[in-house]
Amino acid sequence: MAFTDSEIAEAHEAVRVGGDCDNLYKLGLIYSTGQELDLVQAHMWFNLAAVRGSEAAKECRRELSDMMSKDEIAQAQRSAREWLSVKHH
């Protein structure tokens, strides 16, 4: 699944403004597939979407965890906590 630069920018802007689980999930997809591959970022976004109720994000997060080291997972979890504390309570 490929995302255009404008779709990526739109998802980031939507999350910056509102942080709803659908756009958090979309960012997880963006970072877990295609040219923006970054498993730590993907796990962080899936984690945030899961916290907001996305069942699909929970499954994706679990699948990603199987491909990541414990340090990478810990880094993703720290990033998610920081995002929540700084940006969206």
Protein backbone atom coordinates (compact mmCIF):
# COMPACT_ATOMS: atom_id res chain seq x y z
CA MET A 1 0.00 0.00 0.00
CA ALA A 2 1.56 3.25 -1.11
CA PHE A 3 0.61 6.65 0.20
CA THR A 4 1.17 9.89 -1.64
CA ASP A 5 3.10 12.73 -0.04
CA SER A 6 -0.14 14.69 0.25
CA GLU A 7 -1.91 11.78 1.99
CA ILE A 8 0.98 11.53 4.45
CA ALA A 9 0.91 15.28 5.09
CA GLU A 10 -2.90 15.22 5.51
CA ALA A 11 -2.72 12.38 8.04
CA HIS A 12 -0.04 14.18 10.06
CA GLU A 13 -2.08 17.40 10.01
CA ALA A 14 -5.28 15.60 11.01
CA VAL A 15 -3.50 13.95 13.94
CA ARG A 16 -1.90 17.25 14.96
CA VAL A 17 -5.31 18.92 15.02
CA GLY A 18 -7.49 16.14 16.42
CA GLY A 19 -5.71 12.88 17.06
CA ASP A 20 -8.64 10.60 16.18
CA CYS A 21 -7.97 6.88 16.05
CA ASP A 22 -8.58 6.56 12.28
CA ASN A 23 -5.80 9.01 11.40
CA LEU A 24 -3.50 7.58 14.08
CA TYR A 25 -4.08 4.17 12.49
CA LYS A 26 -3.43 5.61 9.02
CA LEU A 27 -0.07 6.95 10.20
CA GLY A 28 0.74 3.49 11.52
CA LEU A 29 0.00 2.08 8.07
CA ILE A 30 2.09 4.78 6.41
CA TYR A 31 5.13 3.96 8.55
CA SER A 32 4.70 0.18 8.35
CA THR A 33 4.44 0.03 4.56
CA GLY A 34 6.03 1.65 1.57
CA GLN A 35 8.60 4.37 1.27
CA GLU A 36 8.15 5.70 4.82
CA LEU A 37 9.09 2.38 6.49
CA ASP A 38 9.90 2.98 10.17
CA LEU A 39 8.72 0.22 12.49
CA VAL A 40 9.27 2.26 15.66
CA GLN A 41 7.11 5.11 14.30
CA ALA A 42 4.52 2.64 13.02
CA HIS A 43 4.30 0.91 16.41
CA MET A 44 3.94 4.27 18.15
CA TRP A 45 1.03 5.34 15.90
CA PHE A 46 -0.67 1.93 16.15
CA ASN A 47 -0.27 2.07 19.92
CA LEU A 48 -1.91 5.50 20.07
CA ALA A 49 -4.74 4.36 17.79
CA ALA A 50 -5.22 1.25 19.94
CA VAL A 51 -5.48 3.38 23.08
CA ARG A 52 -8.25 5.31 21.33
CA GLY A 53 -10.17 2.13 20.51
CA SER A 54 -8.92 0.83 17.16
CA GLU A 55 -9.06 -2.96 17.10
CA ALA A 56 -7.23 -3.06 13.75
CA ALA A 57 -4.40 -1.04 15.29
CA LYS A 58 -4.11 -3.52 18.17
CA GLU A 59 -3.64 -6.36 15.68
CA CYS A 60 -1.10 -4.41 13.60
CA ARG A 61 0.81 -3.43 16.74
CA ARG A 62 0.98 -7.08 17.80
CA GLU A 63 2.24 -8.15 14.37
CA LEU A 64 4.87 -5.40 14.34
CA SER A 65 6.03 -6.34 17.83
CA ASP A 66 6.97 -9.78 16.51
CA MET A 67 9.38 -8.12 14.05
CA MET A 68 10.93 -5.65 16.51
CA SER A 69 13.56 -5.85 19.22
CA LYS A 70 12.63 -5.13 22.84
CA ASP A 71 14.59 -1.87 22.61
CA GLU A 72 12.66 -0.78 19.52
CA ILE A 73 9.33 -1.56 21.21
CA ALA A 74 10.41 0.34 24.33
CA GLN A 75 11.42 3.31 22.18
CA ALA A 76 8.04 3.26 20.41
CA GLN A 77 6.21 3.10 23.75
CA ARG A 78 8.25 6.03 25.13
CA SER A 79 7.47 8.05 22.01
CA ALA A 80 3.75 7.31 22.36
CA ARG A 81 3.76 8.39 26.02
CA GLU A 82 5.62 11.58 25.13
CA TRP A 83 3.17 12.32 22.32
CA LEU A 84 0.25 11.86 24.69
CA SER A 85 1.76 14.01 27.44
CA VAL A 86 2.88 16.83 25.17
CA LYS A 87 0.32 16.96 22.40
CA HIS A 88 -2.99 15.30 23.16
CA HIS A 89 -4.18 14.53 26.66
